PDB file of N, CA and C in Angstrom:
ATOM      1  N   UNK A   1     -73.283-111.040 103.348  1.00  0.00           N
ATOM      2  CA  UNK A   1     -74.699-111.297 103.227  1.00  0.00           C
ATOM      3  C   UNK A   1     -74.977-112.711 103.729  1.00  0.00           C
ATOM      4  N   UNK A   2     -75.847-112.861 104.659  1.00  0.00           N
ATOM      5  CA  UNK A   2     -76.168-114.172 105.225  1.00  0.00           C
ATOM      6  C   UNK A   2     -77.201-114.888 104.364  1.00  0.00           C
ATOM      7  N   UNK A   3     -77.191-116.188 104.477  1.00  0.00           N
ATOM      8  CA  UNK A   3     -78.151-117.019 103.750  1.00  0.00           C
ATOM      9  C   UNK A   3     -79.546-116.800 104.323  1.00  0.00           C
ATOM     10  N   UNK A   4     -80.521-116.702 103.438  1.00  0.00           N
ATOM     11  CA  UNK A   4     -81.905-116.505 103.868  1.00  0.00           C
ATOM     12  C   UNK A   4     -82.551-117.836 104.224  1.00  0.00           C
ATOM     13  N   UNK A   5     -83.481-117.794 105.153  1.00  0.00           N
ATOM     14  CA  UNK A   5     -84.181-119.002 105.600  1.00  0.00           C
ATOM     15  C   UNK A   5     -84.938-119.664 104.449  1.00  0.00           C
ATOM     16  N   UNK A   6     -85.443-118.884 103.510  1.00  0.00           N
ATOM     17  CA  UNK A   6     -86.196-119.482 102.395  1.00  0.00           C
ATOM     18  C   UNK A   6     -85.293-120.320 101.488  1.00  0.00           C
ATOM     19  N   UNK A   7     -84.009-119.963 101.401  1.00  0.00           N
ATOM     20  CA  UNK A   7     -83.066-120.775 100.624  1.00  0.00           C
ATOM     21  C   UNK A   7     -82.907-122.144 101.262  1.00  0.00           C
ATOM     22  N   UNK A   8     -82.742-122.170 102.579  1.00  0.00           N
ATOM     23  CA  UNK A   8     -82.603-123.438 103.296  1.00  0.00           C
ATOM     24  C   UNK A   8     -83.883-124.243 103.176  1.00  0.00           C
ATOM     25  N   UNK A   9     -85.033-123.591 103.274  1.00  0.00           N
ATOM     26  CA  UNK A   9     -86.311-124.289 103.132  1.00  0.00           C
ATOM     27  C   UNK A   9     -86.424-124.944 101.759  1.00  0.00           C
ATOM     28  N   UNK A  10     -85.993-124.253 100.712  1.00  0.00           N
ATOM     29  CA  UNK A  10     -86.040-124.811  99.357  1.00  0.00           C
ATOM     30  C   UNK A  10     -85.120-126.022  99.227  1.00  0.00           C
ATOM     31  N   UNK A  11     -83.943-125.944  99.839  1.00  0.00           N
ATOM     32  CA  UNK A  11     -83.002-127.069  99.796  1.00  0.00           C
ATOM     33  C   UNK A  11     -83.569-128.271 100.540  1.00  0.00           C
ATOM     34  N   UNK A  12     -84.104-128.031 101.725  1.00  0.00           N
ATOM     35  CA  UNK A  12     -84.646-129.131 102.524  1.00  0.00           C
ATOM     36  C   UNK A  12     -85.890-129.736 101.888  1.00  0.00           C
ATOM     37  N   UNK A  13     -86.643-128.944 101.129  1.00  0.00           N
ATOM     38  CA  UNK A  13     -87.815-129.469 100.400  1.00  0.00           C
ATOM     39  C   UNK A  13     -87.397-130.469  99.326  1.00  0.00           C
ATOM     40  N   UNK A  14     -86.217-130.272  98.746  1.00  0.00           N
ATOM     41  CA  UNK A  14     -85.763-131.131  97.652  1.00  0.00           C
ATOM     42  C   UNK A  14     -84.979-132.343  98.121  1.00  0.00           C
ATOM     43  N   UNK A  15     -84.607-132.377  99.371  1.00  0.00           N
ATOM     44  CA  UNK A  15     -83.757-133.460  99.851  1.00  0.00           C
ATOM     45  C   UNK A  15     -84.441-134.215 100.983  1.00  0.00           C
ATOM     46  N   UNK A  16     -84.158-135.502 101.050  1.00  0.00           N
ATOM     47  CA  UNK A  16     -84.693-136.333 102.120  1.00  0.00           C
ATOM     48  C   UNK A  16     -83.580-136.600 103.124  1.00  0.00           C
ATOM     49  N   UNK A  17     -83.927-136.578 104.374  1.00  0.00           N
ATOM     50  CA  UNK A  17     -82.997-136.926 105.449  1.00  0.00           C
ATOM     51  C   UNK A  17     -81.828-135.957 105.589  1.00  0.00           C
ATOM     52  N   UNK A  18     -81.849-134.858 104.888  1.00  0.00           N
ATOM     53  CA  UNK A  18     -80.812-133.840 105.031  1.00  0.00           C
ATOM     54  C   UNK A  18     -81.310-132.835 106.063  1.00  0.00           C
ATOM     55  N   UNK A  19     -80.418-132.457 106.973  1.00  0.00           N
ATOM     56  CA  UNK A  19     -80.760-131.446 107.964  1.00  0.00           C
ATOM     57  C   UNK A  19     -79.803-130.274 107.813  1.00  0.00           C
ATOM     58  N   UNK A  20     -80.222-129.137 108.314  1.00  0.00           N
ATOM     59  CA  UNK A  20     -79.400-127.927 108.243  1.00  0.00           C
ATOM     60  C   UNK A  20     -79.180-127.397 109.648  1.00  0.00           C
ATOM     61  N   UNK A  21     -77.982-126.896 109.862  1.00  0.00           N
ATOM     62  CA  UNK A  21     -77.642-126.304 111.157  1.00  0.00           C
ATOM     63  C   UNK A  21     -77.025-124.937 110.897  1.00  0.00           C
ATOM     64  N   UNK A  22     -77.580-123.937 111.560  1.00  0.00           N
ATOM     65  CA  UNK A  22     -77.090-122.571 111.375  1.00  0.00           C
ATOM     66  C   UNK A  22     -75.757-122.409 112.092  1.00  0.00           C
ATOM     67  N   UNK A  23     -74.799-121.842 111.361  1.00  0.00           N
ATOM     68  CA  UNK A  23     -73.471-121.624 111.914  1.00  0.00           C
ATOM     69  C   UNK A  23     -72.934-120.294 111.402  1.00  0.00           C
ATOM     70  N   UNK A  24     -72.739-119.341 112.291  1.00  0.00           N
ATOM     71  CA  UNK A  24     -72.152-118.044 111.947  1.00  0.00           C
ATOM     72  C   UNK A  24     -72.932-117.319 110.850  1.00  0.00           C
ATOM     73  N   UNK A  25     -74.236-117.408 110.863  1.00  0.00           N
ATOM     74  CA  UNK A  25     -75.066-116.736 109.874  1.00  0.00           C
ATOM     75  C   UNK A  25     -75.250-117.523 108.590  1.00  0.00           C
ATOM     76  N   UNK A  26     -74.532-118.606 108.449  1.00  0.00           N
ATOM     77  CA  UNK A  26     -74.644-119.470 107.280  1.00  0.00           C
ATOM     78  C   UNK A  26     -75.095-120.850 107.766  1.00  0.00           C
ATOM     79  N   UNK A  27     -75.082-121.858 106.890  1.00  0.00           N
ATOM     80  CA  UNK A  27     -75.603-123.166 107.258  1.00  0.00           C
ATOM     81  C   UNK A  27     -74.672-124.290 106.820  1.00  0.00           C
ATOM     82  N   UNK A  28     -74.681-125.362 107.594  1.00  0.00           N
ATOM     83  CA  UNK A  28     -74.039-126.611 107.206  1.00  0.00           C
ATOM     84  C   UNK A  28     -75.152-127.614 106.942  1.00  0.00           C
ATOM     85  N   UNK A  29     -75.004-128.412 105.881  1.00  0.00           N
ATOM     86  CA  UNK A  29     -75.974-129.453 105.561  1.00  0.00           C
ATOM     87  C   UNK A  29     -75.414-130.794 106.005  1.00  0.00           C
ATOM     88  N   UNK A  30     -76.228-131.557 106.710  1.00  0.00           N
ATOM     89  CA  UNK A  30     -75.826-132.847 107.264  1.00  0.00           C
ATOM     90  C   UNK A  30     -76.650-133.962 106.646  1.00  0.00           C
ATOM     91  N   UNK A  31     -75.983-135.086 106.393  1.00  0.00           N
ATOM     92  CA  UNK A  31     -76.646-136.309 105.957  1.00  0.00           C
ATOM     93  C   UNK A  31     -75.939-137.459 106.643  1.00  0.00           C
ATOM     94  N   UNK A  32     -76.680-138.305 107.310  1.00  0.00           N
ATOM     95  CA  UNK A  32     -76.108-139.418 108.067  1.00  0.00           C
ATOM     96  C   UNK A  32     -75.103-138.941 109.109  1.00  0.00           C
ATOM     97  N   UNK A  33     -75.343-137.781 109.699  1.00  0.00           N
ATOM     98  CA  UNK A  33     -74.465-137.254 110.728  1.00  0.00           C
ATOM     99  C   UNK A  33     -73.167-136.663 110.210  1.00  0.00           C
ATOM    100  N   UNK A  34     -73.049-136.487 108.906  1.00  0.00           N
ATOM    101  CA  UNK A  34     -71.827-135.981 108.284  1.00  0.00           C
ATOM    102  C   UNK A  34     -72.110-134.656 107.592  1.00  0.00           C
ATOM    103  N   UNK A  35     -71.176-133.713 107.695  1.00  0.00           N
ATOM    104  CA  UNK A  35     -71.314-132.454 106.960  1.00  0.00           C
ATOM    105  C   UNK A  35     -71.000-132.745 105.505  1.00  0.00           C
ATOM    106  N   UNK A  36     -71.981-132.538 104.624  1.00  0.00           N
ATOM    107  CA  UNK A  36     -71.801-132.835 103.205  1.00  0.00           C
ATOM    108  C   UNK A  36     -71.717-131.570 102.348  1.00  0.00           C
ATOM    109  N   UNK A  37     -72.199-130.456 102.893  1.00  0.00           N
ATOM    110  CA  UNK A  37     -72.191-129.216 102.113  1.00  0.00           C
ATOM    111  C   UNK A  37     -72.355-128.027 103.048  1.00  0.00           C
ATOM    112  N   UNK A  38     -72.029-126.867 102.534  1.00  0.00           N
ATOM    113  CA  UNK A  38     -72.245-125.599 103.221  1.00  0.00           C
ATOM    114  C   UNK A  38     -73.144-124.734 102.343  1.00  0.00           C
ATOM    115  N   UNK A  39     -73.944-123.920 102.964  1.00  0.00           N
ATOM    116  CA  UNK A  39     -74.749-122.946 102.234  1.00  0.00           C
ATOM    117  C   UNK A  39     -74.326-121.579 102.743  1.00  0.00           C
ATOM    118  N   UNK A  40     -73.677-120.826 101.873  1.00  0.00           N
ATOM    119  CA  UNK A  40     -73.158-119.506 102.216  1.00  0.00           C
ATOM    120  C   UNK A  40     -73.612-118.504 101.164  1.00  0.00           C
ATOM    121  N   UNK A  41     -74.116-117.386 101.624  1.00  0.00           N
ATOM    122  CA  UNK A  41     -74.612-116.344 100.708  1.00  0.00           C
ATOM    123  C   UNK A  41     -75.599-116.914  99.696  1.00  0.00           C
ATOM    124  N   UNK A  42     -76.481-117.798 100.152  1.00  0.00           N
ATOM    125  CA  UNK A  42     -77.531-118.411  99.329  1.00  0.00           C
ATOM    126  C   UNK A  42     -76.982-119.276  98.193  1.00  0.00           C
ATOM    127  N   UNK A  43     -75.761-119.787  98.342  1.00  0.00           N
ATOM    128  CA  UNK A  43     -75.159-120.684  97.347  1.00  0.00           C
ATOM    129  C   UNK A  43     -74.789-121.990  98.022  1.00  0.00           C
ATOM    130  N   UNK A  44     -74.855-123.093  97.286  1.00  0.00           N
ATOM    131  CA  UNK A  44     -74.558-124.419  97.827  1.00  0.00           C
ATOM    132  C   UNK A  44     -73.131-124.801  97.451  1.00  0.00           C
ATOM    133  N   UNK A  45     -72.338-125.134  98.467  1.00  0.00           N
ATOM    134  CA  UNK A  45     -70.955-125.544  98.285  1.00  0.00           C
ATOM    135  C   UNK A  45     -70.803-126.966  98.821  1.00  0.00           C
ATOM    136  N   UNK A  46     -70.552-127.910  97.914  1.00  0.00           N
ATOM    137  CA  UNK A  46     -70.459-129.332  98.259  1.00  0.00           C
ATOM    138  C   UNK A  46     -68.986-129.717  98.371  1.00  0.00           C
ATOM    139  N   UNK A  47     -68.703-130.621  99.317  1.00  0.00           N
ATOM    140  CA  UNK A  47     -67.325-131.103  99.467  1.00  0.00           C
ATOM    141  C   UNK A  47     -66.838-131.665  98.135  1.00  0.00           C
ATOM    142  N   UNK A  48     -65.644-131.287  97.694  1.00  0.00           N
ATOM    143  CA  UNK A  48     -65.164-131.673  96.359  1.00  0.00           C
ATOM    144  C   UNK A  48     -64.521-133.064  96.329  1.00  0.00           C
ATOM    145  N   UNK A  49     -65.285-134.061  96.670  1.00  0.00           N
ATOM    146  CA  UNK A  49     -64.800-135.437  96.622  1.00  0.00           C
ATOM    147  C   UNK A  49     -64.890-135.977  95.191  1.00  0.00           C
ATOM    148  N   UNK A  50     -64.072-136.968  94.833  1.00  0.00           N
ATOM    149  CA  UNK A  50     -64.139-137.530  93.481  1.00  0.00           C
ATOM    150  C   UNK A  50     -65.541-138.016  93.109  1.00  0.00           C
ATOM    151  N   UNK A  51     -66.276-138.550  94.077  1.00  0.00           N
ATOM    152  CA  UNK A  51     -67.634-139.033  93.813  1.00  0.00           C
ATOM    153  C   UNK A  51     -68.563-137.888  93.418  1.00  0.00           C
ATOM    154  N   UNK A  52     -68.374-136.732  94.011  1.00  0.00           N
ATOM    155  CA  UNK A  52     -69.183-135.567  93.660  1.00  0.00           C
ATOM    156  C   UNK A  52     -68.750-134.995  92.313  1.00  0.00           C
ATOM    157  N   UNK A  53     -67.447-134.928  92.089  1.00  0.00           N
ATOM    158  CA  UNK A  53     -66.944-134.416  90.811  1.00  0.00           C
ATOM    159  C   UNK A  53     -67.424-135.261  89.637  1.00  0.00           C
ATOM    160  N   UNK A  54     -67.555-136.572  89.846  1.00  0.00           N
ATOM    161  CA  UNK A  54     -68.027-137.457  88.776  1.00  0.00           C
ATOM    162  C   UNK A  54     -69.479-137.160  88.412  1.00  0.00           C
ATOM    163  N   UNK A  55     -70.278-136.720  89.392  1.00  0.00           N
ATOM    164  CA  UNK A  55     -71.696-136.445  89.132  1.00  0.00           C
ATOM    165  C   UNK A  55     -71.933-135.072  88.509  1.00  0.00           C
ATOM    166  N   UNK A  56     -71.096-134.118  88.847  1.00  0.00           N
ATOM    167  CA  UNK A  56     -71.266-132.756  88.307  1.00  0.00           C
ATOM    168  C   UNK A  56     -69.924-132.221  87.804  1.00  0.00           C
ATOM    169  N   UNK A  57     -69.400-132.813  86.735  1.00  0.00           N
ATOM    170  CA  UNK A  57     -68.085-132.384  86.246  1.00  0.00           C
ATOM    171  C   UNK A  57     -68.068-130.935  85.753  1.00  0.00           C
ATOM    172  N   UNK A  58     -69.227-130.398  85.409  1.00  0.00           N
ATOM    173  CA  UNK A  58     -69.292-129.030  84.902  1.00  0.00           C
ATOM    174  C   UNK A  58     -69.311-127.983  86.022  1.00  0.00           C
ATOM    175  N   UNK A  59     -69.476-128.421  87.272  1.00  0.00           N
ATOM    176  CA  UNK A  59     -69.539-127.482  88.393  1.00  0.00           C
ATOM    177  C   UNK A  59     -68.174-126.841  88.626  1.00  0.00           C
ATOM    178  N   UNK A  60     -68.202-125.586  88.910  1.00  0.00           N
ATOM    179  CA  UNK A  60     -66.959-124.873  89.199  1.00  0.00           C
ATOM    180  C   UNK A  60     -66.576-125.018  90.664  1.00  0.00           C
ATOM    181  N   UNK A  61     -65.385-124.597  90.972  1.00  0.00           N
ATOM    182  CA  UNK A  61     -64.896-124.614  92.345  1.00  0.00           C
ATOM    183  C   UNK A  61     -64.754-123.181  92.848  1.00  0.00           C
ATOM    184  N   UNK A  62     -65.129-122.972  94.111  1.00  0.00           N
ATOM    185  CA  UNK A  62     -64.984-121.662  94.741  1.00  0.00           C
ATOM    186  C   UNK A  62     -64.989-121.864  96.248  1.00  0.00           C
ATOM    187  N   UNK A  63     -64.322-120.989  96.982  1.00  0.00           N
ATOM    188  CA  UNK A  63     -64.362-121.104  98.440  1.00  0.00           C
ATOM    189  C   UNK A  63     -65.704-120.586  98.967  1.00  0.00           C
ATOM    190  N   UNK A  64     -66.303-121.291  99.935  1.00  0.00           N
ATOM    191  CA  UNK A  64     -67.584-120.832 100.479  1.00  0.00           C
ATOM    192  C   UNK A  64     -67.463-119.553 101.309  1.00  0.00           C
ATOM    193  N   UNK A  65     -66.286-119.300 101.848  1.00  0.00           N
ATOM    194  CA  UNK A  65     -66.031-118.090 102.628  1.00  0.00           C
ATOM    195  C   UNK A  65     -64.534-117.785 102.505  1.00  0.00           C
ATOM    196  N   UNK A  66     -64.118-116.566 102.759  1.00  0.00           N
ATOM    197  CA  UNK A  66     -62.702-116.204 102.598  1.00  0.00           C
ATOM    198  C   UNK A  66     -61.791-117.099 103.438  1.00  0.00           C
ATOM    199  N   UNK A  67     -60.755-117.622 102.806  1.00  0.00           N
ATOM    200  CA  UNK A  67     -59.786-118.464 103.483  1.00  0.00           C
ATOM    201  C   UNK A  67     -60.128-119.948 103.475  1.00  0.00           C
ATOM    202  N   UNK A  68     -61.302-120.310 102.969  1.00  0.00           N
ATOM    203  CA  UNK A  68     -61.712-121.716 102.937  1.00  0.00           C
ATOM    204  C   UNK A  68     -61.151-122.401 101.697  1.00  0.00           C
ATOM    205  N   UNK A  69     -61.059-123.720 101.785  1.00  0.00           N
ATOM    206  CA  UNK A  69     -60.668-124.500 100.611  1.00  0.00           C
ATOM    207  C   UNK A  69     -61.804-124.459  99.596  1.00  0.00           C
ATOM    208  N   UNK A  70     -61.478-124.551  98.307  1.00  0.00           N
ATOM    209  CA  UNK A  70     -62.529-124.539  97.288  1.00  0.00           C
ATOM    210  C   UNK A  70     -63.466-125.748  97.419  1.00  0.00           C
ATOM    211  N   UNK A  71     -64.730-125.500  97.187  1.00  0.00           N
ATOM    212  CA  UNK A  71     -65.779-126.514  97.173  1.00  0.00           C
ATOM    213  C   UNK A  71     -66.480-126.458  95.816  1.00  0.00           C
ATOM    214  N   UNK A  72     -67.219-127.518  95.498  1.00  0.00           N
ATOM    215  CA  UNK A  72     -68.026-127.513  94.277  1.00  0.00           C
ATOM    216  C   UNK A  72     -69.200-126.564  94.457  1.00  0.00           C
ATOM    217  N   UNK A  73     -69.428-125.709  93.505  1.00  0.00           N
ATOM    218  CA  UNK A  73     -70.585-124.821  93.533  1.00  0.00           C
ATOM    219  C   UNK A  73     -71.727-125.579  92.863  1.00  0.00           C
ATOM    220  N   UNK A  74     -72.712-125.975  93.667  1.00  0.00           N
ATOM    221  CA  UNK A  74     -73.759-126.871  93.184  1.00  0.00           C
ATOM    222  C   UNK A  74     -75.120-126.194  93.088  1.00  0.00           C
ATOM    223  N   UNK A  75     -75.143-124.910  92.813  1.00  0.00           N
ATOM    224  CA  UNK A  75     -76.413-124.192  92.695  1.00  0.00           C
ATOM    225  C   UNK A  75     -77.305-124.785  91.607  1.00  0.00           C
ATOM    226  N   UNK A  76     -76.732-125.241  90.521  1.00  0.00           N
ATOM    227  CA  UNK A  76     -77.510-125.789  89.401  1.00  0.00           C
ATOM    228  C   UNK A  76     -78.248-127.067  89.796  1.00  0.00           C
ATOM    229  N   UNK A  77     -77.774-127.766  90.829  1.00  0.00           N
ATOM    230  CA  UNK A  77     -78.430-129.006  91.261  1.00  0.00           C
ATOM    231  C   UNK A  77     -79.831-128.745  91.799  1.00  0.00           C
ATOM    232  N   UNK A  78     -80.114-127.524  92.220  1.00  0.00           N
ATOM    233  CA  UNK A  78     -81.458-127.186  92.688  1.00  0.00           C
ATOM    234  C   UNK A  78     -82.465-127.176  91.551  1.00  0.00           C
ATOM    235  N   UNK A  79     -81.988-126.943  90.330  1.00  0.00           N
ATOM    236  CA  UNK A  79     -82.883-126.845  89.181  1.00  0.00           C
ATOM    237  C   UNK A  79     -83.321-128.207  88.648  1.00  0.00           C
ATOM    238  N   UNK A  80     -82.556-129.252  88.948  1.00  0.00           N
ATOM    239  CA  UNK A  80     -82.877-130.590  88.451  1.00  0.00           C
ATOM    240  C   UNK A  80     -83.488-131.423  89.571  1.00  0.00           C
ATOM    241  N   UNK A  81     -84.632-132.016  89.298  1.00  0.00           N
ATOM    242  CA  UNK A  81     -85.342-132.806  90.304  1.00  0.00           C
ATOM    243  C   UNK A  81     -84.504-134.000  90.753  1.00  0.00           C
ATOM    244  N   UNK A  82     -84.197-134.081  92.035  1.00  0.00           N
ATOM    245  CA  UNK A  82     -83.453-135.198  92.596  1.00  0.00           C
ATOM    246  C   UNK A  82     -81.948-135.104  92.485  1.00  0.00           C
ATOM    247  N   UNK A  83     -81.436-134.136  91.750  1.00  0.00           N
ATOM    248  CA  UNK A  83     -79.987-134.032  91.531  1.00  0.00           C
ATOM    249  C   UNK A  83     -79.240-133.705  92.820  1.00  0.00           C
ATOM    250  N   UNK A  84     -79.786-132.801  93.619  1.00  0.00           N
ATOM    251  CA  UNK A  84     -79.105-132.416  94.856  1.00  0.00           C
ATOM    252  C   UNK A  84     -79.085-133.580  95.839  1.00  0.00           C
ATOM    253  N   UNK A  85     -80.190-134.311  95.948  1.00  0.00           N
ATOM    254  CA  UNK A  85     -80.243-135.475  96.833  1.00  0.00           C
ATOM    255  C   UNK A  85     -79.212-136.522  96.405  1.00  0.00           C
ATOM    256  N   UNK A  86     -79.096-136.776  95.120  1.00  0.00           N
ATOM    257  CA  UNK A  86     -78.125-137.740  94.604  1.00  0.00           C
ATOM    258  C   UNK A  86     -76.701-137.294  94.905  1.00  0.00           C
ATOM    259  N   UNK A  87     -76.434-136.027  94.698  1.00  0.00           N
ATOM    260  CA  UNK A  87     -75.099-135.476  94.934  1.00  0.00           C
ATOM    261  C   UNK A  87     -74.720-135.556  96.413  1.00  0.00           C
ATOM    262  N   UNK A  88     -75.618-135.118  97.285  1.00  0.00           N
ATOM    263  CA  UNK A  88     -75.327-135.142  98.716  1.00  0.00           C
ATOM    264  C   UNK A  88     -75.222-136.567  99.247  1.00  0.00           C
ATOM    265  N   UNK A  89     -76.028-137.474  98.697  1.00  0.00           N
ATOM    266  CA  UNK A  89     -75.946-138.880  99.091  1.00  0.00           C
ATOM    267  C   UNK A  89     -74.609-139.499  98.718  1.00  0.00           C
ATOM    268  N   UNK A  90     -74.097-139.158  97.547  1.00  0.00           N
ATOM    269  CA  UNK A  90     -72.797-139.677  97.114  1.00  0.00           C
ATOM    270  C   UNK A  90     -71.680-139.179  98.028  1.00  0.00           C
ATOM    271  N   UNK A  91     -71.760-137.929  98.430  1.00  0.00           N
ATOM    272  CA  UNK A  91     -70.746-137.372  99.326  1.00  0.00           C
ATOM    273  C   UNK A  91     -70.830-138.053 100.693  1.00  0.00           C
ATOM    274  N   UNK A  92     -72.034-138.234 101.212  1.00  0.00           N
ATOM    275  CA  UNK A  92     -72.203-138.869 102.525  1.00  0.00           C
ATOM    276  C   UNK A  92     -71.660-140.301 102.526  1.00  0.00           C
ATOM    277  N   UNK A  93     -71.916-141.035 101.462  1.00  0.00           N
ATOM    278  CA  UNK A  93     -71.415-142.415 101.385  1.00  0.00           C
ATOM    279  C   UNK A  93     -69.890-142.455 101.305  1.00  0.00           C
ATOM    280  N   UNK A  94     -69.281-141.461 100.710  1.00  0.00           N
ATOM    281  CA  UNK A  94     -67.831-141.435 100.535  1.00  0.00           C
ATOM    282  C   UNK A  94     -67.086-141.004 101.799  1.00  0.00           C
ATOM    283  N   UNK A  95     -67.752-140.264 102.662  1.00  0.00           N
ATOM    284  CA  UNK A  95     -67.098-139.774 103.873  1.00  0.00           C
ATOM    285  C   UNK A  95     -67.034-140.864 104.941  1.00  0.00           C
ATOM    286  N   UNK A  96     -66.008-140.823 105.787  1.00  0.00           N
ATOM    287  CA  UNK A  96     -65.937-141.790 106.885  1.00  0.00           C
ATOM    288  C   UNK A  96     -67.036-141.507 107.907  1.00  0.00           C
ATOM    289  N   UNK A  97     -67.360-142.506 108.730  1.00  0.00           N
ATOM    290  CA  UNK A  97     -68.392-142.258 109.751  1.00  0.00           C
ATOM    291  C   UNK A  97     -67.939-141.172 110.723  1.00  0.00           C
ATOM    292  N   UNK A  98     -68.902-140.429 111.280  1.00  0.00           N
ATOM    293  CA  UNK A  98     -68.517-139.376 112.224  1.00  0.00           C
ATOM    294  C   UNK A  98     -67.899-139.972 113.483  1.00  0.00           C
ATOM    295  N   UNK A  99     -66.985-139.234 114.066  1.00  0.00           N
ATOM    296  CA  UNK A  99     -66.348-139.682 115.302  1.00  0.00           C
ATOM    297  C   UNK A  99     -67.375-139.609 116.435  1.00  0.00           C
ATOM    298  N   UNK A 100     -67.348-140.598 117.332  1.00  0.00           N
ATOM    299  CA  UNK A 100     -68.292-140.529 118.454  1.00  0.00           C
ATOM    300  C   UNK A 100     -67.969-139.337 119.361  1.00  0.00           C
ATOM    301  N   UNK A 101     -69.011-138.762 119.903  1.00  0.00           N
ATOM    302  CA  UNK A 101     -68.824-137.615 120.792  1.00  0.00           C
ATOM    303  C   UNK A 101     -68.302-138.106 122.140  1.00  0.00           C
ATOM    304  N   UNK A 102     -67.421-137.309 122.705  1.00  0.00           N
ATOM    305  CA  UNK A 102     -66.886-137.626 124.028  1.00  0.00           C
ATOM    306  C   UNK A 102     -67.935-137.292 125.083  1.00  0.00           C
ATOM    307  N   UNK A 103     -68.019-138.097 126.125  1.00  0.00           N
ATOM    308  CA  UNK A 103     -68.939-137.729 127.213  1.00  0.00           C
ATOM    309  C   UNK A 103     -68.442-136.452 127.894  1.00  0.00           C
ATOM    310  N   UNK A 104     -69.378-135.657 128.343  1.00  0.00           N
ATOM    311  CA  UNK A 104     -69.015-134.411 129.013  1.00  0.00           C
ATOM    312  C   UNK A 104     -68.403-134.729 130.370  1.00  0.00           C
ATOM    313  N   UNK A 105     -67.376-133.980 130.711  1.00  0.00           N
ATOM    314  CA  UNK A 105     -66.706-134.159 131.998  1.00  0.00           C
ATOM    315  C   UNK A 105     -67.589-133.602 133.103  1.00  0.00           C
ATOM    316  N   UNK A 106     -67.628-134.302 134.213  1.00  0.00           N
ATOM    317  CA  UNK A 106     -68.405-133.822 135.353  1.00  0.00           C
ATOM    318  C   UNK A 106     -67.615-132.767 136.094  1.00  0.00           C
ATOM    319  N   UNK A 107     -68.311-131.729 136.499  1.00  0.00           N
ATOM    320  CA  UNK A 107     -67.648-130.612 137.184  1.00  0.00           C
ATOM    321  C   UNK A 107     -67.471-130.876 138.654  1.00  0.00           C
TER     322      UNK A 107
END
């Protein structure tokens, strides 16, 4: 089951500066050019960094898709005003800067 567009719209309504990119019927959430979470089957899966675990210690872990490493299931963060933005911001700050893109080779 693919994530519905209204789920992404609800997530983007609650977060500032977060963008979503559709990938294989699901979505990746970006903040500061870094992938901070995945949205699969209408559920939010946040990278399980210590900074994120400290903010939502009650969140369970589950793989966002078969064969993936477990991520924090952060669906409950949608219910609390500002919680998802705080969580995604903490993950973005903890991640290293994105690698610069290579220039395309001329044919």
